[in-house]
Amino acid sequence: MSIETLLMILALGTLAAFAGFAFVSRKRVRDRREDPEAPKSTLAADAPDQR
């Protein structure tokens, strides 16, 4: 195996890992956004005061 092949495999593997992470993260955000029972962020304008 040449160094070019190894570098290509590492580059594509890294790209695939980040794409998979982005896909899973995007799905979790969409699911949470559609959930009416999800707690509001403390940064939201209409969130209850936590202090």
N, C-alpha and C. Protein backbone atom coordinates (compact mmCIF):
# COMPACT_ATOMS: atom_id res chain seq x y z
N MET A 1 0.86 -1.16 0.00
CA MET A 1 0.00 0.00 0.00
C MET A 1 0.91 1.23 0.00
N SER A 2 0.66 2.10 -0.95
CA SER A 2 1.47 3.31 -1.05
C SER A 2 0.92 4.40 -0.13
N ILE A 3 1.72 5.40 0.10
CA ILE A 3 1.32 6.50 0.98
C ILE A 3 0.14 7.27 0.40
N GLU A 4 0.05 7.36 -0.92
CA GLU A 4 -1.08 8.05 -1.55
C GLU A 4 -2.40 7.34 -1.25
N THR A 5 -2.37 6.03 -1.31
CA THR A 5 -3.57 5.24 -1.02
C THR A 5 -3.98 5.40 0.44
N LEU A 6 -2.98 5.34 1.32
CA LEU A 6 -3.27 5.50 2.74
C LEU A 6 -3.85 6.87 3.02
N LEU A 7 -3.29 7.91 2.45
CA LEU A 7 -3.81 9.25 2.66
C LEU A 7 -5.23 9.41 2.10
N MET A 8 -5.50 8.80 0.98
CA MET A 8 -6.84 8.87 0.40
C MET A 8 -7.85 8.17 1.29
N ILE A 9 -7.48 7.02 1.83
CA ILE A 9 -8.37 6.28 2.72
C ILE A 9 -8.63 7.09 3.99
N LEU A 10 -7.58 7.69 4.55
CA LEU A 10 -7.75 8.50 5.76
C LEU A 10 -8.61 9.73 5.49
N ALA A 11 -8.40 10.37 4.37
CA ALA A 11 -9.18 11.57 4.04
C ALA A 11 -10.65 11.22 3.83
N LEU A 12 -10.94 10.18 3.08
CA LEU A 12 -12.32 9.79 2.84
C LEU A 12 -12.98 9.25 4.11
N GLY A 13 -12.22 8.55 4.93
CA GLY A 13 -12.76 8.05 6.20
C GLY A 13 -13.12 9.19 7.13
N THR A 14 -12.26 10.21 7.18
CA THR A 14 -12.55 11.39 8.00
C THR A 14 -13.78 12.12 7.49
N LEU A 15 -13.85 12.30 6.19
CA LEU A 15 -15.01 12.96 5.59
C LEU A 15 -16.30 12.19 5.88
N ALA A 16 -16.24 10.87 5.77
CA ALA A 16 -17.42 10.05 6.04
C ALA A 16 -17.81 10.12 7.52
N ALA A 17 -16.83 10.15 8.41
CA ALA A 17 -17.13 10.24 9.84
C ALA A 17 -17.82 11.56 10.17
N PHE A 18 -17.31 12.66 9.63
CA PHE A 18 -17.93 13.96 9.90
C PHE A 18 -19.31 14.07 9.24
N ALA A 19 -19.48 13.49 8.08
CA ALA A 19 -20.79 13.51 7.43
C ALA A 19 -21.79 12.69 8.25
N GLY A 20 -21.37 11.56 8.76
CA GLY A 20 -22.24 10.74 9.61
C GLY A 20 -22.61 11.46 10.89
N PHE A 21 -21.64 12.11 11.52
CA PHE A 21 -21.91 12.88 12.73
C PHE A 21 -22.89 14.01 12.45
N ALA A 22 -22.72 14.71 11.34
CA ALA A 22 -23.61 15.81 10.97
C ALA A 22 -25.03 15.30 10.73
N PHE A 23 -25.15 14.17 10.06
CA PHE A 23 -26.46 13.59 9.78
C PHE A 23 -27.19 13.23 11.07
N VAL A 24 -26.49 12.57 11.99
CA VAL A 24 -27.10 12.17 13.26
C VAL A 24 -27.47 13.40 14.08
N SER A 25 -26.58 14.37 14.12
CA SER A 25 -26.84 15.59 14.88
C SER A 25 -28.04 16.35 14.31
N ARG A 26 -28.11 16.42 12.99
CA ARG A 26 -29.23 17.10 12.33
C ARG A 26 -30.55 16.42 12.66
N LYS A 27 -30.55 15.09 12.65
CA LYS A 27 -31.77 14.35 12.97
C LYS A 27 -32.19 14.58 14.42
N ARG A 28 -31.23 14.60 15.35
CA ARG A 28 -31.57 14.84 16.75
C ARG A 28 -32.13 16.23 16.96
N VAL A 29 -31.58 17.22 16.29
CA VAL A 29 -32.08 18.59 16.41
C VAL A 29 -33.50 18.69 15.86
N ARG A 30 -33.74 18.10 14.70
CA ARG A 30 -35.09 18.14 14.13
C ARG A 30 -36.10 17.44 15.02
N ASP A 31 -35.72 16.29 15.58
CA ASP A 31 -36.63 15.55 16.47
C ASP A 31 -36.93 16.37 17.72
N ARG A 32 -35.91 17.00 18.27
CA ARG A 32 -36.12 17.81 19.47
C ARG A 32 -36.96 19.05 19.18
N ARG A 33 -36.74 19.66 18.03
CA ARG A 33 -37.50 20.86 17.65
C ARG A 33 -38.99 20.54 17.49
N GLU A 34 -39.32 19.34 17.03
CA GLU A 34 -40.71 18.94 16.81
C GLU A 34 -41.38 18.42 18.09
N ASP A 35 -40.59 18.17 19.14
CA ASP A 35 -41.13 17.64 20.39
C ASP A 35 -41.68 18.77 21.26
N PRO A 36 -43.00 18.81 21.48
CA PRO A 36 -43.55 19.90 22.29
C PRO A 36 -43.18 19.78 23.77
N GLU A 37 -42.77 18.62 24.22
CA GLU A 37 -42.41 18.39 25.62
C GLU A 37 -40.94 18.67 25.92
N ALA A 38 -40.15 19.02 24.91
CA ALA A 38 -38.73 19.30 25.11
C ALA A 38 -38.58 20.58 25.92
N PRO A 39 -37.67 20.60 26.88
CA PRO A 39 -37.50 21.82 27.68
C PRO A 39 -36.92 22.95 26.84
N LYS A 40 -37.34 24.17 27.16
CA LYS A 40 -36.85 25.35 26.44
C LYS A 40 -35.40 25.61 26.84
N SER A 41 -34.66 26.17 25.92
CA SER A 41 -33.30 26.60 26.21
C SER A 41 -33.36 27.80 27.15
N THR A 42 -32.37 27.92 28.01
CA THR A 42 -32.33 29.09 28.90
C THR A 42 -32.01 30.35 28.12
N LEU A 43 -31.58 30.23 26.90
CA LEU A 43 -31.30 31.39 26.05
C LEU A 43 -32.53 31.84 25.27
N ALA A 44 -33.60 31.05 25.29
CA ALA A 44 -34.80 31.41 24.55
C ALA A 44 -35.47 32.61 25.19
N ALA A 45 -36.08 33.45 24.36
CA ALA A 45 -36.72 34.67 24.85
C ALA A 45 -37.91 34.35 25.76
N ASP A 46 -38.61 33.28 25.48
CA ASP A 46 -39.79 32.94 26.29
C ASP A 46 -39.53 31.81 27.29
N ALA A 47 -38.27 31.58 27.62
CA ALA A 47 -37.92 30.55 28.59
C ALA A 47 -38.16 31.04 30.00
N PRO A 48 -38.48 30.12 30.91
CA PRO A 48 -38.63 30.53 32.31
C PRO A 48 -37.30 30.98 32.90
N ASP A 49 -37.34 31.91 33.82
CA ASP A 49 -36.14 32.42 34.45
C ASP A 49 -35.59 31.37 35.40
N GLN A 50 -34.34 30.97 35.23
CA GLN A 50 -33.72 29.91 36.02
C GLN A 50 -32.87 30.47 37.16
N ARG A 51 -32.80 31.76 37.35
CA ARG A 51 -31.92 32.32 38.40
C ARG A 51 -32.57 32.28 39.73
